[in-house]
Amino acid sequence: MANKFSELRSRMSPQAQARAADKATRMLAEMPLNELRQARGLSQKMLSDVLHVQQPSIAKMEKRTDMYLSTLRSHIEAMGGQLEVVARFPDGAVKISNFGDLGSASMG
């Protein structure tokens, strides 16, 4: 019989549990769009219905490496999130405010 994850975790040392939790947090903080959608419990079809596009458009967009910010913003908002653009420098981070008023756009 397979062990439950909670049972396995309880047998780990506190240090190992902390390392595992830290790694999980880092992994969740950065992921491709398709994994983010799946982590939010959404299918491509569900997202396409919200965005009023065909499902293949969602698949195509998730594979893109370059897209309009308005397209990315509408995709993130359809998942219930909010897009923020942040520039990170050695001496700190700056949230770029130009994009706060972007209107929803078609899949571009």
PDB file of N, CA and C in Angstrom:
ATOM      1  N   MET A   1       0.837  -1.190   0.000  1.00  0.00           N
ATOM      2  CA  MET A   1       0.000   0.000   0.000  1.00  0.00           C
ATOM      3  C   MET A   1       0.882   1.253   0.000  1.00  0.00           C
ATOM      4  N   ALA A   2       0.523   2.241  -0.783  1.00  0.00           N
ATOM      5  CA  ALA A   2       1.301   3.471  -0.888  1.00  0.00           C
ATOM      6  C   ALA A   2       1.133   4.316   0.373  1.00  0.00           C
ATOM      7  N   ASN A   3       2.225   4.962   0.731  1.00  0.00           N
ATOM      8  CA  ASN A   3       2.173   5.860   1.887  1.00  0.00           C
ATOM      9  C   ASN A   3       1.574   7.192   1.473  1.00  0.00           C
ATOM     10  N   LYS A   4       0.874   7.810   2.385  1.00  0.00           N
ATOM     11  CA  LYS A   4       0.356   9.143   2.148  1.00  0.00           C
ATOM     12  C   LYS A   4       1.514  10.125   2.258  1.00  0.00           C
ATOM     13  N   PHE A   5       1.454  11.183   1.456  1.00  0.00           N
ATOM     14  CA  PHE A   5       2.520  12.182   1.475  1.00  0.00           C
ATOM     15  C   PHE A   5       2.680  12.784   2.870  1.00  0.00           C
ATOM     16  N   SER A   6       1.569  13.029   3.541  1.00  0.00           N
ATOM     17  CA  SER A   6       1.651  13.624   4.880  1.00  0.00           C
ATOM     18  C   SER A   6       2.399  12.716   5.848  1.00  0.00           C
ATOM     19  N   GLU A   7       2.244  11.395   5.685  1.00  0.00           N
ATOM     20  CA  GLU A   7       2.976  10.459   6.538  1.00  0.00           C
ATOM     21  C   GLU A   7       4.466  10.494   6.231  1.00  0.00           C
ATOM     22  N   LEU A   8       4.803  10.535   4.948  1.00  0.00           N
ATOM     23  CA  LEU A   8       6.208  10.611   4.556  1.00  0.00           C
ATOM     24  C   LEU A   8       6.841  11.907   5.055  1.00  0.00           C
ATOM     25  N   ARG A   9       6.112  13.023   4.895  1.00  0.00           N
ATOM     26  CA  ARG A   9       6.637  14.315   5.334  1.00  0.00           C
ATOM     27  C   ARG A   9       6.848  14.328   6.842  1.00  0.00           C
ATOM     28  N   SER A  10       5.956  13.697   7.592  1.00  0.00           N
ATOM     29  CA  SER A  10       6.085  13.716   9.049  1.00  0.00           C
ATOM     30  C   SER A  10       7.333  12.970   9.518  1.00  0.00           C
ATOM     31  N   ARG A  11       7.846  12.057   8.697  1.00  0.00           N
ATOM     32  CA  ARG A  11       9.068  11.317   9.043  1.00  0.00           C
ATOM     33  C   ARG A  11      10.338  12.084   8.678  1.00  0.00           C
ATOM     34  N   MET A  12      10.191  13.174   7.931  1.00  0.00           N
ATOM     35  CA  MET A  12      11.354  13.979   7.535  1.00  0.00           C
ATOM     36  C   MET A  12      11.812  14.836   8.713  1.00  0.00           C
ATOM     37  N   SER A  13      13.108  15.137   8.718  1.00  0.00           N
ATOM     38  CA  SER A  13      13.631  16.035   9.749  1.00  0.00           C
ATOM     39  C   SER A  13      13.051  17.429   9.529  1.00  0.00           C
ATOM     40  N   PRO A  14      13.017  18.253  10.574  1.00  0.00           N
ATOM     41  CA  PRO A  14      12.522  19.622  10.399  1.00  0.00           C
ATOM     42  C   PRO A  14      13.306  20.381   9.324  1.00  0.00           C
ATOM     43  N   GLN A  15      14.612  20.136   9.251  1.00  0.00           N
ATOM     44  CA  GLN A  15      15.431  20.804   8.239  1.00  0.00           C
ATOM     45  C   GLN A  15      15.020  20.362   6.832  1.00  0.00           C
ATOM     46  N   ALA A  16      14.784  19.074   6.639  1.00  0.00           N
ATOM     47  CA  ALA A  16      14.368  18.557   5.338  1.00  0.00           C
ATOM     48  C   ALA A  16      12.981  19.085   4.972  1.00  0.00           C
ATOM     49  N   GLN A  17      12.090  19.174   5.949  1.00  0.00           N
ATOM     50  CA  GLN A  17      10.758  19.723   5.697  1.00  0.00           C
ATOM     51  C   GLN A  17      10.860  21.183   5.258  1.00  0.00           C
ATOM     52  N   ALA A  18      11.742  21.946   5.916  1.00  0.00           N
ATOM     53  CA  ALA A  18      11.924  23.354   5.564  1.00  0.00           C
ATOM     54  C   ALA A  18      12.502  23.490   4.156  1.00  0.00           C
ATOM     55  N   ARG A  19      13.477  22.640   3.806  1.00  0.00           N
ATOM     56  CA  ARG A  19      14.067  22.676   2.464  1.00  0.00           C
ATOM     57  C   ARG A  19      13.014  22.329   1.409  1.00  0.00           C
ATOM     58  N   ALA A  20      12.196  21.322   1.682  1.00  0.00           N
ATOM     59  CA  ALA A  20      11.148  20.916   0.744  1.00  0.00           C
ATOM     60  C   ALA A  20      10.116  22.030   0.569  1.00  0.00           C
ATOM     61  N   ALA A  21       9.731  22.667   1.661  1.00  0.00           N
ATOM     62  CA  ALA A  21       8.757  23.758   1.584  1.00  0.00           C
ATOM     63  C   ALA A  21       9.326  24.936   0.804  1.00  0.00           C
ATOM     64  N   ASP A  22      10.603  25.245   1.028  1.00  0.00           N
ATOM     65  CA  ASP A  22      11.255  26.340   0.309  1.00  0.00           C
ATOM     66  C   ASP A  22      11.319  26.043  -1.184  1.00  0.00           C
ATOM     67  N   LYS A  23      11.671  24.817  -1.536  1.00  0.00           N
ATOM     68  CA  LYS A  23      11.748  24.433  -2.950  1.00  0.00           C
ATOM     69  C   LYS A  23      10.369  24.496  -3.604  1.00  0.00           C
ATOM     70  N   ALA A  24       9.349  24.027  -2.907  1.00  0.00           N
ATOM     71  CA  ALA A  24       7.989  24.071  -3.445  1.00  0.00           C
ATOM     72  C   ALA A  24       7.546  25.514  -3.675  1.00  0.00           C
ATOM     73  N   THR A  25       7.869  26.398  -2.751  1.00  0.00           N
ATOM     74  CA  THR A  25       7.517  27.813  -2.887  1.00  0.00           C
ATOM     75  C   THR A  25       8.201  28.423  -4.096  1.00  0.00           C
ATOM     76  N   ARG A  26       9.494  28.114  -4.288  1.00  0.00           N
ATOM     77  CA  ARG A  26      10.231  28.639  -5.442  1.00  0.00           C
ATOM     78  C   ARG A  26       9.645  28.106  -6.749  1.00  0.00           C
ATOM     79  N   MET A  27       9.273  26.843  -6.774  1.00  0.00           N
ATOM     80  CA  MET A  27       8.710  26.253  -7.985  1.00  0.00           C
ATOM     81  C   MET A  27       7.360  26.888  -8.328  1.00  0.00           C
ATOM     82  N   LEU A  28       6.543  27.170  -7.318  1.00  0.00           N
ATOM     83  CA  LEU A  28       5.237  27.767  -7.551  1.00  0.00           C
ATOM     84  C   LEU A  28       5.329  29.242  -7.928  1.00  0.00           C
ATOM     85  N   ALA A  29       6.447  29.882  -7.562  1.00  0.00           N
ATOM     86  CA  ALA A  29       6.605  31.308  -7.840  1.00  0.00           C
ATOM     87  C   ALA A  29       6.959  31.572  -9.301  1.00  0.00           C
ATOM     88  N   GLU A  30       7.358  30.541 -10.033  1.00  0.00           N
ATOM     89  CA  GLU A  30       7.768  30.725 -11.417  1.00  0.00           C
ATOM     90  C   GLU A  30       7.348  29.509 -12.228  1.00  0.00           C
ATOM     91  N   MET A  31       6.454  29.709 -13.184  1.00  0.00           N
ATOM     92  CA  MET A  31       6.003  28.592 -14.010  1.00  0.00           C
ATOM     93  C   MET A  31       5.464  29.096 -15.332  1.00  0.00           C
ATOM     94  N   PRO A  32       5.484  28.247 -16.347  1.00  0.00           N
ATOM     95  CA  PRO A  32       4.906  28.628 -17.640  1.00  0.00           C
ATOM     96  C   PRO A  32       3.392  28.787 -17.540  1.00  0.00           C
ATOM     97  N   LEU A  33       2.812  29.509 -18.512  1.00  0.00           N
ATOM     98  CA  LEU A  33       1.371  29.773 -18.505  1.00  0.00           C
ATOM     99  C   LEU A  33       0.528  28.506 -18.443  1.00  0.00           C
ATOM    100  N   ASN A  34       0.917  27.468 -19.201  1.00  0.00           N
ATOM    101  CA  ASN A  34       0.086  26.257 -19.191  1.00  0.00           C
ATOM    102  C   ASN A  34       0.079  25.597 -17.818  1.00  0.00           C
ATOM    103  N   GLU A  35       1.228  25.614 -17.119  1.00  0.00           N
ATOM    104  CA  GLU A  35       1.269  25.041 -15.777  1.00  0.00           C
ATOM    105  C   GLU A  35       0.489  25.907 -14.787  1.00  0.00           C
ATOM    106  N   LEU A  36       0.554  27.218 -14.973  1.00  0.00           N
ATOM    107  CA  LEU A  36      -0.217  28.124 -14.117  1.00  0.00           C
ATOM    108  C   LEU A  36      -1.707  27.866 -14.283  1.00  0.00           C
ATOM    109  N   ARG A  37      -2.147  27.730 -15.537  1.00  0.00           N
ATOM    110  CA  ARG A  37      -3.555  27.440 -15.800  1.00  0.00           C
ATOM    111  C   ARG A  37      -3.976  26.138 -15.127  1.00  0.00           C
ATOM    112  N   GLN A  38      -3.151  25.104 -15.283  1.00  0.00           N
ATOM    113  CA  GLN A  38      -3.465  23.810 -14.684  1.00  0.00           C
ATOM    114  C   GLN A  38      -3.472  23.887 -13.153  1.00  0.00           C
ATOM    115  N   ALA A  39      -2.525  24.632 -12.592  1.00  0.00           N
ATOM    116  CA  ALA A  39      -2.468  24.791 -11.139  1.00  0.00           C
ATOM    117  C   ALA A  39      -3.702  25.515 -10.604  1.00  0.00           C
ATOM    118  N   ARG A  40      -4.291  26.360 -11.442  1.00  0.00           N
ATOM    119  CA  ARG A  40      -5.512  27.071 -11.057  1.00  0.00           C
ATOM    120  C   ARG A  40      -6.757  26.220 -11.285  1.00  0.00           C
ATOM    121  N   GLY A  41      -6.565  24.995 -11.805  1.00  0.00           N
ATOM    122  CA  GLY A  41      -7.686  24.082 -12.011  1.00  0.00           C
ATOM    123  C   GLY A  41      -8.523  24.408 -13.234  1.00  0.00           C
ATOM    124  N   LEU A  42      -7.918  25.051 -14.221  1.00  0.00           N
ATOM    125  CA  LEU A  42      -8.646  25.452 -15.421  1.00  0.00           C
ATOM    126  C   LEU A  42      -8.185  24.644 -16.625  1.00  0.00           C
ATOM    127  N   SER A  43      -9.119  24.326 -17.509  1.00  0.00           N
ATOM    128  CA  SER A  43      -8.778  23.683 -18.774  1.00  0.00           C
ATOM    129  C   SER A  43      -8.629  24.769 -19.833  1.00  0.00           C
ATOM    130  N   GLN A  44      -8.022  24.407 -20.946  1.00  0.00           N
ATOM    131  CA  GLN A  44      -7.929  25.361 -22.054  1.00  0.00           C
ATOM    132  C   GLN A  44      -9.327  25.754 -22.529  1.00  0.00           C
ATOM    133  N   LYS A  45     -10.243  24.812 -22.529  1.00  0.00           N
ATOM    134  CA  LYS A  45     -11.617  25.087 -22.961  1.00  0.00           C
ATOM    135  C   LYS A  45     -12.294  26.094 -22.030  1.00  0.00           C
ATOM    136  N   MET A  46     -12.118  25.915 -20.735  1.00  0.00           N
ATOM    137  CA  MET A  46     -12.719  26.846 -19.778  1.00  0.00           C
ATOM    138  C   MET A  46     -12.183  28.265 -20.010  1.00  0.00           C
ATOM    139  N   LEU A  47     -10.872  28.367 -20.204  1.00  0.00           N
ATOM    140  CA  LEU A  47     -10.256  29.670 -20.422  1.00  0.00           C
ATOM    141  C   LEU A  47     -10.707  30.272 -21.752  1.00  0.00           C
ATOM    142  N   SER A  48     -10.836  29.440 -22.772  1.00  0.00           N
ATOM    143  CA  SER A  48     -11.278  29.952 -24.075  1.00  0.00           C
ATOM    144  C   SER A  48     -12.708  30.479 -23.995  1.00  0.00           C
ATOM    145  N   ASP A  49     -13.549  29.849 -23.186  1.00  0.00           N
ATOM    146  CA  ASP A  49     -14.925  30.332 -23.005  1.00  0.00           C
ATOM    147  C   ASP A  49     -14.936  31.713 -22.347  1.00  0.00           C
ATOM    148  N   VAL A  50     -14.095  31.910 -21.343  1.00  0.00           N
ATOM    149  CA  VAL A  50     -14.030  33.193 -20.646  1.00  0.00           C
ATOM    150  C   VAL A  50     -13.516  34.290 -21.577  1.00  0.00           C
ATOM    151  N   LEU A  51     -12.528  33.939 -22.410  1.00  0.00           N
ATOM    152  CA  LEU A  51     -11.910  34.927 -23.297  1.00  0.00           C
ATOM    153  C   LEU A  51     -12.630  35.062 -24.640  1.00  0.00           C
ATOM    154  N   HIS A  52     -13.655  34.238 -24.858  1.00  0.00           N
ATOM    155  CA  HIS A  52     -14.430  34.270 -26.100  1.00  0.00           C
ATOM    156  C   HIS A  52     -13.548  34.029 -27.326  1.00  0.00           C
ATOM    157  N   VAL A  53     -12.705  33.002 -27.229  1.00  0.00           N
ATOM    158  CA  VAL A  53     -11.863  32.570 -28.347  1.00  0.00           C
ATOM    159  C   VAL A  53     -11.979  31.057 -28.459  1.00  0.00           C
ATOM    160  N   GLN A  54     -11.432  30.506 -29.517  1.00  0.00           N
ATOM    161  CA  GLN A  54     -11.420  29.061 -29.693  1.00  0.00           C
ATOM    162  C   GLN A  54     -10.316  28.437 -28.849  1.00  0.00           C
ATOM    163  N   GLN A  55     -10.500  27.207 -28.407  1.00  0.00           N
ATOM    164  CA  GLN A  55      -9.526  26.504 -27.577  1.00  0.00           C
ATOM    165  C   GLN A  55      -8.142  26.444 -28.219  1.00  0.00           C
ATOM    166  N   PRO A  56      -8.020  26.216 -29.555  1.00  0.00           N
ATOM    167  CA  PRO A  56      -6.672  26.201 -30.144  1.00  0.00           C
ATOM    168  C   PRO A  56      -5.910  27.515 -29.965  1.00  0.00           C
ATOM    169  N   SER A  57      -6.634  28.630 -29.831  1.00  0.00           N
ATOM    170  CA  SER A  57      -5.979  29.917 -29.587  1.00  0.00           C
ATOM    171  C   SER A  57      -5.278  29.926 -28.234  1.00  0.00           C
ATOM    172  N   ILE A  58      -5.884  29.284 -27.250  1.00  0.00           N
ATOM    173  CA  ILE A  58      -5.269  29.194 -25.915  1.00  0.00           C
ATOM    174  C   ILE A  58      -4.015  28.333 -25.996  1.00  0.00           C
ATOM    175  N   ALA A  59      -4.107  27.207 -26.676  1.00  0.00           N
ATOM    176  CA  ALA A  59      -2.949  26.322 -26.821  1.00  0.00           C
ATOM    177  C   ALA A  59      -1.801  27.049 -27.514  1.00  0.00           C
ATOM    178  N   LYS A  60      -2.122  27.798 -28.561  1.00  0.00           N
ATOM    179  CA  LYS A  60      -1.100  28.535 -29.305  1.00  0.00           C
ATOM    180  C   LYS A  60      -0.450  29.604 -28.424  1.00  0.00           C
ATOM    181  N   MET A  61      -1.271  30.334 -27.686  1.00  0.00           N
ATOM    182  CA  MET A  61      -0.740  31.389 -26.841  1.00  0.00           C
ATOM    183  C   MET A  61       0.171  30.836 -25.749  1.00  0.00           C
ATOM    184  N   GLU A  62      -0.196  29.687 -25.186  1.00  0.00           N
ATOM    185  CA  GLU A  62       0.606  29.106 -24.112  1.00  0.00           C
ATOM    186  C   GLU A  62       1.981  28.658 -24.598  1.00  0.00           C
ATOM    187  N   LYS A  63       2.131  28.472 -25.883  1.00  0.00           N
ATOM    188  CA  LYS A  63       3.424  28.059 -26.442  1.00  0.00           C
ATOM    189  C   LYS A  63       4.277  29.240 -26.874  1.00  0.00           C
ATOM    190  N   ARG A  64       3.693  30.418 -26.925  1.00  0.00           N
ATOM    191  CA  ARG A  64       4.417  31.603 -27.385  1.00  0.00           C
ATOM    192  C   ARG A  64       5.489  32.033 -26.400  1.00  0.00           C
ATOM    193  N   THR A  65       6.561  32.585 -26.952  1.00  0.00           N
ATOM    194  CA  THR A  65       7.601  33.180 -26.110  1.00  0.00           C
ATOM    195  C   THR A  65       7.559  34.703 -26.197  1.00  0.00           C
ATOM    196  N   ASP A  66       6.721  35.232 -27.096  1.00  0.00           N
ATOM    197  CA  ASP A  66       6.620  36.674 -27.285  1.00  0.00           C
ATOM    198  C   ASP A  66       5.152  37.008 -27.568  1.00  0.00           C
ATOM    199  N   MET A  67       4.600  37.949 -26.819  1.00  0.00           N
ATOM    200  CA  MET A  67       3.205  38.337 -27.024  1.00  0.00           C
ATOM    201  C   MET A  67       2.983  39.748 -26.492  1.00  0.00           C
ATOM    202  N   TYR A  68       1.864  40.329 -26.885  1.00  0.00           N
ATOM    203  CA  TYR A  68       1.502  41.639 -26.363  1.00  0.00           C
ATOM    204  C   TYR A  68       1.189  41.532 -24.871  1.00  0.00           C
ATOM    205  N   LEU A  69       1.536  42.582 -24.137  1.00  0.00           N
ATOM    206  CA  LEU A  69       1.200  42.608 -22.708  1.00  0.00           C
ATOM    207  C   LEU A  69      -0.306  42.559 -22.500  1.00  0.00           C
ATOM    208  N   SER A  70      -1.060  43.185 -23.393  1.00  0.00           N
ATOM    209  CA  SER A  70      -2.523  43.175 -23.252  1.00  0.00           C
ATOM    210  C   SER A  70      -3.068  41.756 -23.393  1.00  0.00           C
ATOM    211  N   THR A  71      -2.447  40.945 -24.247  1.00  0.00           N
ATOM    212  CA  THR A  71      -2.872  39.559 -24.407  1.00  0.00           C
ATOM    213  C   THR A  71      -2.566  38.769 -23.145  1.00  0.00           C
ATOM    214  N   LEU A  72      -1.364  38.944 -22.633  1.00  0.00           N
ATOM    215  CA  LEU A  72      -0.979  38.259 -21.400  1.00  0.00           C
ATOM    216  C   LEU A  72      -1.866  38.712 -20.244  1.00  0.00           C
ATOM    217  N   ARG A  73      -2.134  39.998 -20.187  1.00  0.00           N
ATOM    218  CA  ARG A  73      -2.983  40.533 -19.115  1.00  0.00           C
ATOM    219  C   ARG A  73      -4.377  39.911 -19.146  1.00  0.00           C
ATOM    220  N   SER A  74      -4.983  39.830 -20.337  1.00  0.00           N
ATOM    221  CA  SER A  74      -6.328  39.258 -20.421  1.00  0.00           C
ATOM    222  C   SER A  74      -6.313  37.783 -20.030  1.00  0.00           C
ATOM    223  N   HIS A  75      -5.257  37.076 -20.396  1.00  0.00           N
ATOM    224  CA  HIS A  75      -5.122  35.660 -20.040  1.00  0.00           C
ATOM    225  C   HIS A  75      -5.034  35.497 -18.518  1.00  0.00           C
ATOM    226  N   ILE A  76      -4.204  36.303 -17.886  1.00  0.00           N
ATOM    227  CA  ILE A  76      -4.036  36.249 -16.427  1.00  0.00           C
ATOM    228  C   ILE A  76      -5.336  36.636 -15.720  1.00  0.00           C
ATOM    229  N   GLU A  77      -6.000  37.679 -16.200  1.00  0.00           N
ATOM    230  CA  GLU A  77      -7.257  38.101 -15.582  1.00  0.00           C
ATOM    231  C   GLU A  77      -8.343  37.041 -15.743  1.00  0.00           C
ATOM    232  N   ALA A  78      -8.340  36.326 -16.868  1.00  0.00           N
ATOM    233  CA  ALA A  78      -9.324  35.260 -17.073  1.00  0.00           C
ATOM    234  C   ALA A  78      -9.123  34.130 -16.068  1.00  0.00           C
ATOM    235  N   MET A  79      -7.899  34.012 -15.541  1.00  0.00           N
ATOM    236  CA  MET A  79      -7.608  33.000 -14.514  1.00  0.00           C
ATOM    237  C   MET A  79      -7.871  33.544 -13.112  1.00  0.00           C
ATOM    238  N   GLY A  80      -8.302  34.794 -13.026  1.00  0.00           N
ATOM    239  CA  GLY A  80      -8.612  35.380 -11.726  1.00  0.00           C
ATOM    240  C   GLY A  80      -7.454  36.149 -11.117  1.00  0.00           C
ATOM    241  N   GLY A  81      -6.412  36.394 -11.912  1.00  0.00           N
ATOM    242  CA  GLY A  81      -5.236  37.093 -11.395  1.00  0.00           C
ATOM    243  C   GLY A  81      -5.143  38.518 -11.888  1.00  0.00           C
ATOM    244  N   GLN A  82      -4.035  39.150 -11.553  1.00  0.00           N
ATOM    245  CA  GLN A  82      -3.762  40.523 -11.961  1.00  0.00           C
ATOM    246  C   GLN A  82      -2.305  40.571 -12.408  1.00  0.00           C
ATOM    247  N   LEU A  83      -2.042  41.121 -13.590  1.00  0.00           N
ATOM    248  CA  LEU A  83      -0.692  41.195 -14.123  1.00  0.00           C
ATOM    249  C   LEU A  83      -0.009  42.462 -13.643  1.00  0.00           C
ATOM    250  N   GLU A  84       1.208  42.324 -13.144  1.00  0.00           N
ATOM    251  CA  GLU A  84       2.038  43.459 -12.781  1.00  0.00           C
ATOM    252  C   GLU A  84       3.366  43.303 -13.505  1.00  0.00           C
ATOM    253  N   VAL A  85       3.889  44.399 -14.039  1.00  0.00           N
ATOM    254  CA  VAL A  85       5.181  44.380 -14.704  1.00  0.00           C
ATOM    255  C   VAL A  85       6.175  45.037 -13.757  1.00  0.00           C
ATOM    256  N   VAL A  86       7.211  44.275 -13.409  1.00  0.00           N
ATOM    257  CA  VAL A  86       8.208  44.752 -12.450  1.00  0.00           C
ATOM    258  C   VAL A  86       9.594  44.644 -13.076  1.00  0.00           C
ATOM    259  N   ALA A  87      10.355  45.735 -12.997  1.00  0.00           N
ATOM    260  CA  ALA A  87      11.750  45.733 -13.440  1.00  0.00           C
ATOM    261  C   ALA A  87      12.624  45.555 -12.201  1.00  0.00           C
ATOM    262  N   ARG A  88      13.503  44.565 -12.231  1.00  0.00           N
ATOM    263  CA  ARG A  88      14.377  44.293 -11.089  1.00  0.00           C
ATOM    264  C   ARG A  88      15.803  44.725 -11.410  1.00  0.00           C
ATOM    265  N   PHE A  89      16.371  45.495 -10.512  1.00  0.00           N
ATOM    266  CA  PHE A  89      17.733  45.992 -10.641  1.00  0.00           C
ATOM    267  C   PHE A  89      18.523  45.552  -9.418  1.00  0.00           C
ATOM    268  N   PRO A  90      19.843  45.597  -9.481  1.00  0.00           N
ATOM    269  CA  PRO A  90      20.640  45.206  -8.306  1.00  0.00           C
ATOM    270  C   PRO A  90      20.288  45.999  -7.048  1.00  0.00           C
ATOM    271  N   ASP A  91      19.863  47.255  -7.220  1.00  0.00           N
ATOM    272  CA  ASP A  91      19.566  48.076  -6.046  1.00  0.00           C
ATOM    273  C   ASP A  91      18.072  48.144  -5.713  1.00  0.00           C
ATOM    274  N   GLY A  92      17.254  47.330  -6.369  1.00  0.00           N
ATOM    275  CA  GLY A  92      15.835  47.299  -6.027  1.00  0.00           C
ATOM    276  C   GLY A  92      14.945  47.026  -7.215  1.00  0.00           C
ATOM    277  N   ALA A  93      13.643  46.945  -6.959  1.00  0.00           N
ATOM    278  CA  ALA A  93      12.652  46.646  -7.986  1.00  0.00           C
ATOM    279  C   ALA A  93      11.713  47.835  -8.150  1.00  0.00           C
ATOM    280  N   VAL A  94      11.220  48.006  -9.385  1.00  0.00           N
ATOM    281  CA  VAL A  94      10.295  49.089  -9.693  1.00  0.00           C
ATOM    282  C   VAL A  94       9.118  48.511 -10.458  1.00  0.00           C
ATOM    283  N   LYS A  95       7.915  48.775  -9.971  1.00  0.00           N
ATOM    284  CA  LYS A  95       6.707  48.355 -10.690  1.00  0.00           C
ATOM    285  C   LYS A  95       6.459  49.379 -11.794  1.00  0.00           C
ATOM    286  N   ILE A  96       6.348  48.898 -13.019  1.00  0.00           N
ATOM    287  CA  ILE A  96       6.103  49.779 -14.156  1.00  0.00           C
ATOM    288  C   ILE A  96       4.603  50.063 -14.218  1.00  0.00           C
ATOM    289  N   SER A  97       4.225  51.329 -14.121  1.00  0.00           N
ATOM    290  CA  SER A  97       2.815  51.689 -13.999  1.00  0.00           C
ATOM    291  C   SER A  97       2.125  51.952 -15.334  1.00  0.00           C
ATOM    292  N   ASN A  98       2.865  52.056 -16.438  1.00  0.00           N
ATOM    293  CA  ASN A  98       2.266  52.363 -17.738  1.00  0.00           C
ATOM    294  C   ASN A  98       1.171  51.385 -18.131  1.00  0.00           C
ATOM    295  N   PHE A  99       1.242  50.155 -17.662  1.00  0.00           N
ATOM    296  CA  PHE A  99       0.389  49.100 -18.167  1.00  0.00           C
ATOM    297  C   PHE A  99      -0.871  48.887 -17.344  1.00  0.00           C
ATOM    298  N   GLY A 100      -1.101  49.708 -16.350  1.00  0.00           N
ATOM    299  CA  GLY A 100      -2.260  49.544 -15.492  1.00  0.00           C
ATOM    300  C   GLY A 100      -3.582  49.772 -16.187  1.00  0.00           C
ATOM    301  N   ASP A 101      -3.582  50.575 -17.241  1.00  0.00           N
ATOM    302  CA  ASP A 101      -4.831  50.902 -17.919  1.00  0.00           C
ATOM    303  C   ASP A 101      -4.985  50.216 -19.261  1.00  0.00           C
ATOM    304  N   LEU A 102      -4.211  49.165 -19.494  1.00  0.00           N
ATOM    305  CA  LEU A 102      -4.340  48.434 -20.760  1.00  0.00           C
ATOM    306  C   LEU A 102      -5.737  47.865 -20.871  1.00  0.00           C
ATOM    307  N   GLY A 103      -6.336  48.023 -22.002  1.00  0.00           N
ATOM    308  CA  GLY A 103      -7.656  47.431 -22.242  1.00  0.00           C
ATOM    309  C   GLY A 103      -7.502  45.992 -22.678  1.00  0.00           C
ATOM    310  N   SER A 104      -8.548  45.219 -22.543  1.00  0.00           N
ATOM    311  CA  SER A 104      -8.515  43.845 -23.027  1.00  0.00           C
ATOM    312  C   SER A 104      -8.382  43.873 -24.540  1.00  0.00           C
ATOM    313  N   ALA A 105      -7.571  42.963 -25.046  1.00  0.00           N
ATOM    314  CA  ALA A 105      -7.353  42.879 -26.484  1.00  0.00           C
ATOM    315  C   ALA A 105      -7.614  41.482 -26.967  1.00  0.00           C
ATOM    316  N   SER A 106      -7.800  41.345 -28.241  1.00  0.00           N
ATOM    317  CA  SER A 106      -7.952  40.014 -28.801  1.00  0.00           C
ATOM    318  C   SER A 106      -6.620  39.305 -28.733  1.00  0.00           C
ATOM    319  N   MET A 107      -6.624  38.021 -28.965  1.00  0.00           N
ATOM    320  CA  MET A 107      -5.418  37.232 -28.895  1.00  0.00           C
ATOM    321  C   MET A 107      -4.431  37.743 -29.936  1.00  0.00           C
ATOM    322  N   GLY A 108      -3.467  38.585 -29.536  1.00  0.00           N
ATOM    323  CA  GLY A 108      -2.543  39.177 -30.490  1.00  0.00           C
ATOM    324  C   GLY A 108      -1.134  38.814 -30.237  1.00  0.00           C
TER     325      GLY A 108
END
